[in-house]
């Protein structure tokens, strides 16, 4: 059976430059996805025509730059992440190869062979974020699994993460000792405890206070 060998990472898109080539419906979907995950992402969008909603977002977000013209190679300057979303497959391929020569992480929409990375279905509650990938096999399956996680992981996990962060800053000793202590504190999260309350049970709170 095929396995998923992708390496999961979380990018700081507010600190690196993202370029989207193509500003139609698909471009809008990509802009919306990025902004949901990283509202302050630095995004440059190039296209010869623009979806009105993209223009509206740019007017209300100083981190978004729009350039209404055809793509030129100089658009790749200082870019770290590239999403290509035009309807012209030949152009998409040309842009991909230009980006590869500059070692730019690239995703050509709906063309897996021309992708260095895939976007995932994402669940977010406070500081906790979980990304689900099917390795491009079935984005629908990834979304359904995301929905399950939304249901089973309680909103209280945000409070739990905040408390653990505070405790982590107070712990003494080396890294291994800190990990050992945090592992001991969070064993109550294991299903074997069958907490009556969702994840943040009384026993967990007692241990943290």
N, C-alpha and C. Protein backbone atom coordinates (compact mmCIF):
# COMPACT_ATOMS: atom_id res chain seq x y z
N UNK A 1 0.84 -1.20 0.00
CA UNK A 1 0.00 0.00 0.00
C UNK A 1 0.88 1.25 0.00
N UNK A 2 0.48 2.25 -0.77
CA UNK A 2 1.23 3.50 -0.86
C UNK A 2 1.24 4.22 0.48
N UNK A 3 2.41 4.71 0.88
CA UNK A 3 2.52 5.44 2.14
C UNK A 3 2.70 6.94 1.87
N UNK A 4 2.58 7.72 2.92
CA UNK A 4 2.75 9.17 2.81
C UNK A 4 4.13 9.53 3.33
N UNK A 5 5.02 9.89 2.43
CA UNK A 5 6.40 10.21 2.81
C UNK A 5 6.65 11.71 2.88
N UNK A 6 5.59 12.51 2.84
CA UNK A 6 5.76 13.95 2.91
C UNK A 6 6.26 14.37 4.28
N UNK A 7 7.07 15.44 4.31
CA UNK A 7 7.59 15.97 5.56
C UNK A 7 6.74 17.16 5.98
N UNK A 8 6.02 17.06 7.11
CA UNK A 8 5.11 18.15 7.52
C UNK A 8 5.87 19.29 8.19
N UNK A 9 5.60 20.50 7.75
CA UNK A 9 6.18 21.69 8.37
C UNK A 9 5.12 22.77 8.45
N UNK A 10 5.34 23.76 9.32
CA UNK A 10 4.46 24.93 9.42
C UNK A 10 5.30 26.16 9.09
N UNK A 11 4.94 26.85 8.02
CA UNK A 11 5.72 27.98 7.53
C UNK A 11 5.27 29.29 8.16
N UNK A 12 6.23 30.17 8.44
CA UNK A 12 5.94 31.51 8.95
C UNK A 12 5.75 32.44 7.75
N UNK A 13 4.55 32.44 7.19
CA UNK A 13 4.32 33.20 5.97
C UNK A 13 4.27 34.70 6.19
N UNK A 14 4.27 35.14 7.44
CA UNK A 14 4.38 36.57 7.71
C UNK A 14 5.83 37.03 7.66
N UNK A 15 6.77 36.07 7.53
CA UNK A 15 8.19 36.40 7.51
C UNK A 15 8.87 36.09 6.18
N UNK A 16 8.18 35.36 5.31
CA UNK A 16 8.73 35.05 3.99
C UNK A 16 7.75 35.51 2.92
N UNK A 17 8.26 35.73 1.72
CA UNK A 17 7.43 36.24 0.63
C UNK A 17 6.76 35.10 -0.13
N UNK A 18 5.45 35.19 -0.27
CA UNK A 18 4.69 34.24 -1.07
C UNK A 18 4.22 34.93 -2.34
N UNK A 19 4.32 34.24 -3.44
CA UNK A 19 3.83 34.75 -4.73
C UNK A 19 2.74 33.84 -5.26
N UNK A 20 1.63 34.43 -5.66
CA UNK A 20 0.56 33.69 -6.34
C UNK A 20 0.46 34.25 -7.75
N UNK A 21 0.60 33.38 -8.75
CA UNK A 21 0.44 33.78 -10.14
C UNK A 21 -0.91 33.26 -10.62
N UNK A 22 -1.78 34.18 -10.96
CA UNK A 22 -3.16 33.82 -11.31
C UNK A 22 -4.10 34.40 -10.28
N UNK A 23 -5.02 35.24 -10.73
CA UNK A 23 -5.86 35.97 -9.78
C UNK A 23 -7.35 35.77 -10.07
N UNK A 24 -7.69 34.61 -10.60
CA UNK A 24 -9.09 34.30 -10.85
C UNK A 24 -9.72 33.57 -9.68
N UNK A 25 -10.67 32.70 -9.95
CA UNK A 25 -11.37 31.97 -8.89
C UNK A 25 -10.42 31.09 -8.07
N UNK A 26 -9.54 30.38 -8.75
CA UNK A 26 -8.60 29.50 -8.04
C UNK A 26 -7.63 30.33 -7.21
N UNK A 27 -7.15 31.43 -7.78
CA UNK A 27 -6.27 32.32 -7.03
C UNK A 27 -6.94 32.82 -5.77
N UNK A 28 -8.22 33.15 -5.87
CA UNK A 28 -8.98 33.62 -4.70
C UNK A 28 -9.05 32.54 -3.63
N UNK A 29 -9.29 31.30 -4.03
CA UNK A 29 -9.33 30.18 -3.08
C UNK A 29 -8.00 30.08 -2.33
N UNK A 30 -6.90 30.20 -3.06
CA UNK A 30 -5.58 30.09 -2.43
C UNK A 30 -5.30 31.26 -1.49
N UNK A 31 -5.70 32.46 -1.90
CA UNK A 31 -5.53 33.62 -1.03
C UNK A 31 -6.32 33.44 0.26
N UNK A 32 -7.57 33.01 0.13
CA UNK A 32 -8.42 32.81 1.31
C UNK A 32 -7.83 31.77 2.25
N UNK A 33 -7.31 30.68 1.69
CA UNK A 33 -6.74 29.62 2.53
C UNK A 33 -5.53 30.14 3.29
N UNK A 34 -4.66 30.85 2.60
CA UNK A 34 -3.46 31.39 3.26
C UNK A 34 -3.84 32.34 4.38
N UNK A 35 -4.79 33.24 4.12
CA UNK A 35 -5.16 34.24 5.11
C UNK A 35 -5.87 33.63 6.32
N UNK A 36 -6.60 32.54 6.11
CA UNK A 36 -7.22 31.87 7.25
C UNK A 36 -6.16 31.31 8.19
N UNK A 37 -5.07 30.81 7.61
CA UNK A 37 -4.02 30.21 8.42
C UNK A 37 -3.00 31.23 8.91
N UNK A 38 -2.76 32.26 8.11
CA UNK A 38 -1.74 33.26 8.44
C UNK A 38 -2.24 34.63 8.00
N UNK A 39 -3.04 35.29 8.83
CA UNK A 39 -3.69 36.55 8.44
C UNK A 39 -2.72 37.66 8.03
N UNK A 40 -1.47 37.59 8.50
CA UNK A 40 -0.49 38.63 8.17
C UNK A 40 0.53 38.15 7.14
N UNK A 41 0.18 37.13 6.39
CA UNK A 41 1.09 36.59 5.38
C UNK A 41 1.44 37.66 4.35
N UNK A 42 2.71 37.66 3.94
CA UNK A 42 3.17 38.58 2.90
C UNK A 42 2.91 37.94 1.54
N UNK A 43 1.91 38.46 0.83
CA UNK A 43 1.48 37.85 -0.43
C UNK A 43 1.57 38.85 -1.57
N UNK A 44 2.21 38.44 -2.63
CA UNK A 44 2.19 39.20 -3.89
C UNK A 44 1.38 38.39 -4.89
N UNK A 45 0.45 39.04 -5.58
CA UNK A 45 -0.41 38.35 -6.53
C UNK A 45 -0.25 39.01 -7.89
N UNK A 46 0.08 38.20 -8.90
CA UNK A 46 0.27 38.70 -10.25
C UNK A 46 -0.78 38.06 -11.17
N UNK A 47 -1.44 38.90 -11.97
CA UNK A 47 -2.41 38.38 -12.93
C UNK A 47 -2.82 39.46 -13.91
N UNK A 48 -3.21 39.05 -15.12
CA UNK A 48 -3.63 40.05 -16.09
C UNK A 48 -5.07 40.49 -15.86
N UNK A 49 -5.85 39.68 -15.12
CA UNK A 49 -7.18 40.07 -14.66
C UNK A 49 -7.34 39.61 -13.23
N UNK A 50 -8.15 40.34 -12.45
CA UNK A 50 -8.29 40.05 -11.03
C UNK A 50 -9.74 39.83 -10.63
N UNK A 51 -9.93 38.80 -9.79
CA UNK A 51 -11.24 38.60 -9.17
C UNK A 51 -11.50 39.80 -8.24
N UNK A 52 -12.70 40.38 -8.29
CA UNK A 52 -12.99 41.56 -7.45
C UNK A 52 -12.71 41.35 -5.96
N UNK A 53 -12.93 40.13 -5.47
CA UNK A 53 -12.69 39.89 -4.04
C UNK A 53 -11.21 39.97 -3.68
N UNK A 54 -10.35 39.60 -4.62
CA UNK A 54 -8.92 39.71 -4.36
C UNK A 54 -8.53 41.18 -4.24
N UNK A 55 -9.07 42.00 -5.12
CA UNK A 55 -8.79 43.44 -5.07
C UNK A 55 -9.29 44.01 -3.74
N UNK A 56 -10.47 43.60 -3.32
CA UNK A 56 -11.03 44.09 -2.06
C UNK A 56 -10.15 43.70 -0.89
N UNK A 57 -9.66 42.45 -0.89
CA UNK A 57 -8.79 42.01 0.20
C UNK A 57 -7.50 42.81 0.23
N UNK A 58 -6.94 43.10 -0.94
CA UNK A 58 -5.69 43.86 -1.01
C UNK A 58 -5.88 45.28 -0.48
N UNK A 59 -7.04 45.85 -0.74
CA UNK A 59 -7.31 47.22 -0.27
C UNK A 59 -7.41 47.27 1.25
N UNK A 60 -7.76 46.14 1.86
CA UNK A 60 -7.95 46.10 3.30
C UNK A 60 -6.85 45.37 4.05
N UNK A 61 -5.78 45.00 3.34
CA UNK A 61 -4.69 44.27 3.98
C UNK A 61 -3.37 44.74 3.37
N UNK A 62 -2.60 45.47 4.15
CA UNK A 62 -1.36 46.06 3.65
C UNK A 62 -0.29 45.01 3.34
N UNK A 63 -0.51 43.77 3.78
CA UNK A 63 0.46 42.70 3.51
C UNK A 63 0.26 42.07 2.14
N UNK A 64 -0.82 42.47 1.45
CA UNK A 64 -1.12 41.92 0.13
C UNK A 64 -0.78 42.95 -0.94
N UNK A 65 0.02 42.54 -1.91
CA UNK A 65 0.38 43.39 -3.04
C UNK A 65 -0.17 42.77 -4.31
N UNK A 66 -0.87 43.55 -5.12
CA UNK A 66 -1.39 43.03 -6.38
C UNK A 66 -0.72 43.76 -7.55
N UNK A 67 -0.41 42.98 -8.59
CA UNK A 67 0.24 43.52 -9.79
C UNK A 67 -0.56 43.05 -11.00
N UNK A 68 -1.23 43.98 -11.65
CA UNK A 68 -2.13 43.62 -12.75
C UNK A 68 -1.39 43.68 -14.08
N UNK A 69 -0.81 42.59 -14.44
CA UNK A 69 -0.11 42.41 -15.71
C UNK A 69 0.26 40.94 -15.85
N UNK A 70 0.86 40.59 -17.00
CA UNK A 70 1.32 39.22 -17.18
C UNK A 70 2.57 38.95 -16.34
N UNK A 71 2.78 37.70 -16.00
CA UNK A 71 3.94 37.29 -15.22
C UNK A 71 5.23 37.57 -15.95
N UNK A 72 6.25 38.04 -15.22
CA UNK A 72 7.61 38.16 -15.74
C UNK A 72 8.55 37.48 -14.75
N UNK A 73 9.71 37.07 -15.22
CA UNK A 73 10.62 36.29 -14.37
C UNK A 73 11.06 37.05 -13.13
N UNK A 74 11.12 38.38 -13.22
CA UNK A 74 11.53 39.18 -12.07
C UNK A 74 10.54 39.09 -10.90
N UNK A 75 9.34 38.61 -11.18
CA UNK A 75 8.36 38.44 -10.11
C UNK A 75 8.84 37.42 -9.08
N UNK A 76 9.78 36.58 -9.46
CA UNK A 76 10.27 35.54 -8.56
C UNK A 76 11.35 36.05 -7.61
N UNK A 77 11.78 37.28 -7.80
CA UNK A 77 12.82 37.83 -6.92
C UNK A 77 12.36 37.84 -5.47
N UNK A 78 13.20 37.31 -4.58
CA UNK A 78 12.98 37.30 -3.14
C UNK A 78 11.79 36.42 -2.70
N UNK A 79 11.24 35.64 -3.62
CA UNK A 79 10.10 34.76 -3.30
C UNK A 79 10.60 33.45 -2.68
N UNK A 80 9.93 33.00 -1.62
CA UNK A 80 10.26 31.73 -0.97
C UNK A 80 9.22 30.64 -1.28
N UNK A 81 7.96 31.07 -1.42
CA UNK A 81 6.87 30.13 -1.67
C UNK A 81 6.07 30.62 -2.87
N UNK A 82 5.81 29.71 -3.80
CA UNK A 82 5.13 30.08 -5.04
C UNK A 82 3.92 29.17 -5.28
N UNK A 83 2.80 29.79 -5.60
CA UNK A 83 1.60 29.05 -6.01
C UNK A 83 1.22 29.53 -7.41
N UNK A 84 1.12 28.59 -8.34
CA UNK A 84 0.80 28.93 -9.72
C UNK A 84 -0.63 28.47 -10.00
N UNK A 85 -1.49 29.44 -10.37
CA UNK A 85 -2.91 29.13 -10.51
C UNK A 85 -3.52 29.76 -11.75
N UNK A 86 -2.79 29.71 -12.86
CA UNK A 86 -3.34 30.23 -14.11
C UNK A 86 -4.03 29.10 -14.87
N UNK A 87 -4.79 29.45 -15.90
CA UNK A 87 -5.48 28.46 -16.72
C UNK A 87 -4.61 27.98 -17.88
N UNK A 88 -3.42 28.56 -18.01
CA UNK A 88 -2.53 28.25 -19.11
C UNK A 88 -1.50 27.21 -18.66
N UNK A 89 -1.69 25.95 -19.06
CA UNK A 89 -0.82 24.88 -18.59
C UNK A 89 0.63 25.06 -19.06
N UNK A 90 0.80 25.56 -20.27
CA UNK A 90 2.15 25.79 -20.78
C UNK A 90 2.87 26.84 -19.94
N UNK A 91 2.16 27.93 -19.64
CA UNK A 91 2.73 28.98 -18.80
C UNK A 91 3.04 28.45 -17.41
N UNK A 92 2.12 27.67 -16.84
CA UNK A 92 2.34 27.09 -15.52
C UNK A 92 3.64 26.28 -15.47
N UNK A 93 3.86 25.48 -16.51
CA UNK A 93 5.06 24.64 -16.58
C UNK A 93 6.31 25.50 -16.70
N UNK A 94 6.24 26.54 -17.52
CA UNK A 94 7.39 27.44 -17.68
C UNK A 94 7.74 28.12 -16.35
N UNK A 95 6.72 28.58 -15.64
CA UNK A 95 6.96 29.24 -14.35
C UNK A 95 7.55 28.25 -13.36
N UNK A 96 7.04 27.02 -13.38
CA UNK A 96 7.56 26.00 -12.47
C UNK A 96 9.06 25.79 -12.67
N UNK A 97 9.48 25.66 -13.91
CA UNK A 97 10.90 25.40 -14.18
C UNK A 97 11.76 26.61 -13.82
N UNK A 98 11.24 27.81 -14.03
CA UNK A 98 11.96 29.01 -13.60
C UNK A 98 12.14 29.00 -12.08
N UNK A 99 11.09 28.64 -11.37
CA UNK A 99 11.14 28.60 -9.91
C UNK A 99 12.11 27.53 -9.42
N UNK A 100 12.14 26.39 -10.11
CA UNK A 100 13.05 25.32 -9.72
C UNK A 100 14.50 25.76 -9.84
N UNK A 101 14.81 26.56 -10.86
CA UNK A 101 16.17 27.03 -11.05
C UNK A 101 16.59 27.99 -9.93
N UNK A 102 15.59 28.52 -9.19
CA UNK A 102 15.88 29.43 -8.09
C UNK A 102 15.63 28.78 -6.73
N UNK A 103 15.34 27.48 -6.74
CA UNK A 103 15.09 26.74 -5.49
C UNK A 103 13.92 27.32 -4.70
N UNK A 104 12.85 27.69 -5.39
CA UNK A 104 11.65 28.22 -4.76
C UNK A 104 10.64 27.09 -4.58
N UNK A 105 10.12 26.93 -3.37
CA UNK A 105 9.09 25.92 -3.12
C UNK A 105 7.84 26.27 -3.93
N UNK A 106 7.40 25.34 -4.78
CA UNK A 106 6.35 25.65 -5.75
C UNK A 106 5.21 24.65 -5.70
N UNK A 107 3.99 25.18 -5.85
CA UNK A 107 2.79 24.36 -5.99
C UNK A 107 2.05 24.84 -7.22
N UNK A 108 1.98 23.98 -8.25
CA UNK A 108 1.18 24.28 -9.42
C UNK A 108 -0.17 23.61 -9.21
N UNK A 109 -1.19 24.42 -9.09
CA UNK A 109 -2.51 23.92 -8.68
C UNK A 109 -3.01 22.82 -9.62
N UNK A 110 -3.48 21.73 -9.01
CA UNK A 110 -4.08 20.60 -9.72
C UNK A 110 -3.10 19.93 -10.69
N UNK A 111 -1.81 19.95 -10.34
CA UNK A 111 -0.79 19.29 -11.16
C UNK A 111 0.28 18.72 -10.23
N UNK A 112 -0.02 17.60 -9.55
CA UNK A 112 0.89 17.03 -8.54
C UNK A 112 2.34 16.87 -8.98
N UNK A 113 2.63 16.44 -10.23
CA UNK A 113 4.03 16.31 -10.62
C UNK A 113 4.80 17.62 -10.57
N UNK A 114 4.09 18.75 -10.64
CA UNK A 114 4.74 20.06 -10.59
C UNK A 114 4.52 20.72 -9.22
N UNK A 115 4.57 19.92 -8.18
CA UNK A 115 4.39 20.44 -6.82
C UNK A 115 5.53 19.99 -5.91
N UNK A 116 6.14 20.95 -5.22
CA UNK A 116 7.10 20.62 -4.17
C UNK A 116 6.40 20.41 -2.85
N UNK A 117 5.17 20.88 -2.75
CA UNK A 117 4.40 20.73 -1.52
C UNK A 117 2.92 20.73 -1.86
N UNK A 118 2.12 20.16 -0.95
CA UNK A 118 0.67 20.20 -1.05
C UNK A 118 0.11 20.97 0.14
N UNK A 119 -1.02 21.61 -0.04
CA UNK A 119 -1.71 22.18 1.11
C UNK A 119 -2.55 21.10 1.76
N UNK A 120 -2.85 21.29 3.04
CA UNK A 120 -3.54 20.26 3.82
C UNK A 120 -4.90 20.77 4.29
N UNK A 121 -5.72 19.84 4.77
CA UNK A 121 -6.95 20.21 5.48
C UNK A 121 -6.54 20.52 6.91
N UNK A 122 -6.96 21.67 7.42
CA UNK A 122 -6.42 22.15 8.69
C UNK A 122 -7.50 22.33 9.75
N UNK A 123 -7.21 21.84 10.96
CA UNK A 123 -8.05 22.09 12.13
C UNK A 123 -7.30 23.00 13.06
N UNK A 124 -7.95 24.06 13.52
CA UNK A 124 -7.29 25.03 14.39
C UNK A 124 -8.18 25.37 15.57
N UNK A 125 -7.60 25.26 16.77
CA UNK A 125 -8.27 25.69 17.99
C UNK A 125 -7.24 26.39 18.86
N UNK A 126 -7.33 27.72 18.92
CA UNK A 126 -6.34 28.48 19.66
C UNK A 126 -4.96 28.26 19.05
N UNK A 127 -3.94 27.99 19.89
CA UNK A 127 -2.59 27.77 19.37
C UNK A 127 -2.38 26.37 18.78
N UNK A 128 -3.38 25.51 18.91
CA UNK A 128 -3.25 24.13 18.42
C UNK A 128 -3.74 24.06 16.98
N UNK A 129 -2.89 23.57 16.11
CA UNK A 129 -3.22 23.43 14.69
C UNK A 129 -2.79 22.05 14.22
N UNK A 130 -3.70 21.34 13.56
CA UNK A 130 -3.42 20.01 13.04
C UNK A 130 -3.72 20.01 11.55
N UNK A 131 -2.73 19.59 10.76
CA UNK A 131 -2.88 19.52 9.31
C UNK A 131 -2.99 18.06 8.88
N UNK A 132 -3.97 17.77 8.02
CA UNK A 132 -4.21 16.40 7.55
C UNK A 132 -3.92 16.33 6.06
N UNK A 133 -3.08 15.37 5.67
CA UNK A 133 -2.73 15.20 4.26
C UNK A 133 -3.00 13.77 3.82
N UNK A 134 -3.48 13.63 2.59
CA UNK A 134 -3.65 12.30 2.00
C UNK A 134 -2.61 12.06 0.92
N UNK A 135 -1.54 12.88 0.92
CA UNK A 135 -0.49 12.79 -0.09
C UNK A 135 -1.03 13.04 -1.49
N UNK A 136 -2.07 13.89 -1.55
CA UNK A 136 -2.66 14.23 -2.84
C UNK A 136 -3.63 13.21 -3.38
N UNK A 137 -3.79 12.06 -2.68
CA UNK A 137 -4.66 11.00 -3.19
C UNK A 137 -6.13 11.39 -3.12
N UNK A 138 -6.54 12.02 -2.01
CA UNK A 138 -7.95 12.38 -1.85
C UNK A 138 -8.09 13.55 -0.89
N UNK A 139 -8.08 14.78 -1.41
CA UNK A 139 -8.31 15.95 -0.56
C UNK A 139 -9.63 15.87 0.20
N UNK A 140 -10.63 15.22 -0.40
CA UNK A 140 -11.93 15.08 0.27
C UNK A 140 -11.80 14.25 1.54
N UNK A 141 -11.03 13.16 1.48
CA UNK A 141 -10.81 12.34 2.67
C UNK A 141 -10.11 13.16 3.75
N UNK A 142 -9.11 13.94 3.36
CA UNK A 142 -8.39 14.77 4.33
C UNK A 142 -9.35 15.74 5.02
N UNK A 143 -10.27 16.33 4.26
CA UNK A 143 -11.24 17.26 4.83
C UNK A 143 -12.19 16.56 5.80
N UNK A 144 -12.61 15.34 5.46
CA UNK A 144 -13.51 14.59 6.34
C UNK A 144 -12.80 14.24 7.65
N UNK A 145 -11.54 13.85 7.57
CA UNK A 145 -10.78 13.55 8.78
C UNK A 145 -10.59 14.82 9.61
N UNK A 146 -10.40 15.94 8.94
CA UNK A 146 -10.30 17.23 9.64
C UNK A 146 -11.59 17.52 10.41
N UNK A 147 -12.73 17.23 9.78
CA UNK A 147 -14.02 17.46 10.43
C UNK A 147 -14.16 16.59 11.69
N UNK A 148 -13.67 15.35 11.61
CA UNK A 148 -13.72 14.46 12.77
C UNK A 148 -12.89 15.04 13.91
N UNK A 149 -11.71 15.53 13.59
CA UNK A 149 -10.84 16.13 14.60
C UNK A 149 -11.49 17.36 15.23
N UNK A 150 -12.16 18.16 14.42
CA UNK A 150 -12.89 19.33 14.92
C UNK A 150 -13.91 18.92 15.98
N UNK A 151 -14.53 17.78 15.74
CA UNK A 151 -15.59 17.31 16.64
C UNK A 151 -15.04 16.74 17.94
N UNK A 152 -13.98 15.94 17.84
CA UNK A 152 -13.52 15.21 19.02
C UNK A 152 -12.54 16.00 19.89
N UNK A 153 -11.88 16.99 19.32
CA UNK A 153 -10.96 17.79 20.12
C UNK A 153 -11.71 19.00 20.67
N UNK A 154 -11.82 19.11 21.98
CA UNK A 154 -12.65 20.17 22.57
C UNK A 154 -12.01 21.54 22.51
N UNK A 155 -12.82 22.55 22.65
CA UNK A 155 -12.33 23.92 22.64
C UNK A 155 -11.39 24.18 23.82
N UNK A 156 -11.55 23.41 24.92
CA UNK A 156 -10.72 23.60 26.10
C UNK A 156 -9.24 23.34 25.83
N UNK A 157 -8.90 22.73 24.70
CA UNK A 157 -7.50 22.44 24.40
C UNK A 157 -6.70 23.74 24.30
N UNK A 158 -7.36 24.84 23.96
CA UNK A 158 -6.68 26.13 23.91
C UNK A 158 -6.18 26.52 25.31
N UNK A 159 -7.06 26.36 26.31
CA UNK A 159 -6.70 26.66 27.69
C UNK A 159 -5.59 25.75 28.17
N UNK A 160 -5.68 24.47 27.79
CA UNK A 160 -4.67 23.49 28.16
C UNK A 160 -3.30 23.89 27.63
N UNK A 161 -3.26 24.30 26.37
CA UNK A 161 -1.99 24.69 25.74
C UNK A 161 -1.39 25.90 26.44
N UNK A 162 -2.24 26.85 26.82
CA UNK A 162 -1.74 28.05 27.50
C UNK A 162 -1.12 27.72 28.85
N UNK A 163 -1.77 26.83 29.60
CA UNK A 163 -1.24 26.43 30.90
C UNK A 163 0.10 25.69 30.75
N UNK A 164 0.14 24.78 29.78
CA UNK A 164 1.38 24.03 29.56
C UNK A 164 2.52 24.94 29.12
N UNK A 165 2.20 25.97 28.37
CA UNK A 165 3.24 26.92 27.96
C UNK A 165 3.81 27.64 29.18
N UNK A 166 2.92 28.03 30.10
CA UNK A 166 3.36 28.70 31.31
C UNK A 166 4.24 27.78 32.15
N UNK A 167 3.82 26.52 32.27
CA UNK A 167 4.58 25.56 33.06
C UNK A 167 5.95 25.32 32.42
N UNK A 168 5.98 25.22 31.10
CA UNK A 168 7.24 24.95 30.39
C UNK A 168 8.28 26.04 30.67
N UNK A 169 7.82 27.28 30.79
CA UNK A 169 8.76 28.38 31.05
C UNK A 169 9.30 28.35 32.47
N UNK A 170 8.60 27.64 33.38
CA UNK A 170 9.02 27.59 34.78
C UNK A 170 9.86 26.36 35.11
N UNK A 171 9.87 25.38 34.22
CA UNK A 171 10.58 24.14 34.51
C UNK A 171 12.09 24.34 34.55
N UNK A 172 12.73 23.61 35.46
CA UNK A 172 14.17 23.65 35.60
C UNK A 172 14.78 22.40 34.97
N UNK A 173 16.09 22.43 34.80
CA UNK A 173 16.77 21.27 34.27
C UNK A 173 17.00 21.36 32.77
N UNK A 174 17.64 20.30 32.21
CA UNK A 174 17.94 20.30 30.77
C UNK A 174 16.70 19.89 29.97
N UNK A 175 16.85 19.85 28.66
CA UNK A 175 15.72 19.56 27.78
C UNK A 175 15.09 18.22 28.08
N UNK A 176 15.91 17.19 28.30
CA UNK A 176 15.38 15.85 28.56
C UNK A 176 14.56 15.83 29.85
N UNK A 177 15.02 16.54 30.87
CA UNK A 177 14.29 16.58 32.13
C UNK A 177 12.95 17.30 31.97
N UNK A 178 12.94 18.37 31.17
CA UNK A 178 11.70 19.10 30.93
C UNK A 178 10.69 18.24 30.16
N UNK A 179 11.19 17.51 29.17
CA UNK A 179 10.31 16.63 28.40
C UNK A 179 9.73 15.55 29.29
N UNK A 180 10.55 15.00 30.18
CA UNK A 180 10.08 13.95 31.11
C UNK A 180 8.97 14.48 32.00
N UNK A 181 9.14 15.70 32.53
CA UNK A 181 8.13 16.29 33.40
C UNK A 181 6.83 16.56 32.64
N UNK A 182 6.94 17.12 31.44
CA UNK A 182 5.74 17.43 30.65
C UNK A 182 5.03 16.15 30.22
N UNK A 183 5.79 15.11 29.91
CA UNK A 183 5.17 13.83 29.56
C UNK A 183 4.37 13.28 30.73
N UNK A 184 4.92 13.42 31.94
CA UNK A 184 4.23 12.93 33.13
C UNK A 184 2.94 13.72 33.37
N UNK A 185 3.00 15.03 33.16
CA UNK A 185 1.83 15.87 33.38
C UNK A 185 0.70 15.56 32.41
N UNK A 186 1.06 15.20 31.19
CA UNK A 186 0.05 15.05 30.14
C UNK A 186 -0.39 13.61 29.90
N UNK A 187 0.04 12.67 30.75
CA UNK A 187 -0.40 11.29 30.56
C UNK A 187 -1.91 11.16 30.68
N UNK A 188 -2.54 12.08 31.40
CA UNK A 188 -3.99 12.02 31.57
C UNK A 188 -4.72 12.23 30.25
N UNK A 189 -4.04 12.76 29.25
CA UNK A 189 -4.65 12.95 27.94
C UNK A 189 -4.82 11.63 27.20
N UNK A 190 -4.17 10.60 27.67
CA UNK A 190 -4.26 9.30 27.02
C UNK A 190 -5.68 8.74 27.15
N UNK A 191 -6.21 8.11 26.10
CA UNK A 191 -7.56 7.54 26.15
C UNK A 191 -7.77 6.55 27.30
N UNK A 192 -6.70 5.93 27.79
CA UNK A 192 -6.86 4.91 28.83
C UNK A 192 -7.40 5.50 30.13
N UNK A 193 -7.31 6.86 30.27
CA UNK A 193 -7.82 7.47 31.49
C UNK A 193 -9.33 7.66 31.45
N UNK A 194 -9.91 7.63 30.23
CA UNK A 194 -11.36 7.76 30.08
C UNK A 194 -11.92 8.92 30.91
N UNK A 195 -11.38 10.10 30.71
CA UNK A 195 -11.81 11.27 31.46
C UNK A 195 -13.29 11.54 31.23
N UNK A 196 -14.01 11.89 32.28
CA UNK A 196 -15.41 12.25 32.14
C UNK A 196 -15.57 13.59 31.41
N UNK A 197 -14.60 14.47 31.60
CA UNK A 197 -14.63 15.75 30.90
C UNK A 197 -13.71 15.65 29.70
N UNK A 198 -14.04 16.39 28.64
CA UNK A 198 -13.24 16.33 27.42
C UNK A 198 -11.82 16.82 27.68
N UNK A 199 -10.88 15.94 27.43
CA UNK A 199 -9.44 16.21 27.47
C UNK A 199 -8.99 16.97 28.72
N UNK A 200 -9.54 18.16 28.97
CA UNK A 200 -9.13 18.90 30.15
C UNK A 200 -9.97 18.41 31.33
N UNK A 201 -9.61 17.29 31.87
CA UNK A 201 -10.34 16.71 32.99
C UNK A 201 -9.88 17.27 34.32
N UNK A 202 -10.62 16.95 35.37
CA UNK A 202 -10.28 17.45 36.71
C UNK A 202 -8.88 17.00 37.12
N UNK A 203 -8.55 15.75 36.79
CA UNK A 203 -7.23 15.23 37.17
C UNK A 203 -6.13 16.01 36.47
N UNK A 204 -6.35 16.35 35.20
CA UNK A 204 -5.35 17.10 34.47
C UNK A 204 -5.17 18.49 35.08
N UNK A 205 -6.28 19.15 35.38
CA UNK A 205 -6.20 20.47 35.99
C UNK A 205 -5.53 20.41 37.36
N UNK A 206 -5.82 19.32 38.12
CA UNK A 206 -5.20 19.18 39.43
C UNK A 206 -3.68 19.08 39.28
N UNK A 207 -3.22 18.36 38.28
CA UNK A 207 -1.79 18.19 38.08
C UNK A 207 -1.12 19.50 37.68
N UNK A 208 -1.86 20.34 36.99
CA UNK A 208 -1.27 21.57 36.46
C UNK A 208 -1.26 22.69 37.49
N UNK A 209 -1.97 22.53 38.61
CA UNK A 209 -2.07 23.61 39.59
C UNK A 209 -1.30 23.28 40.85
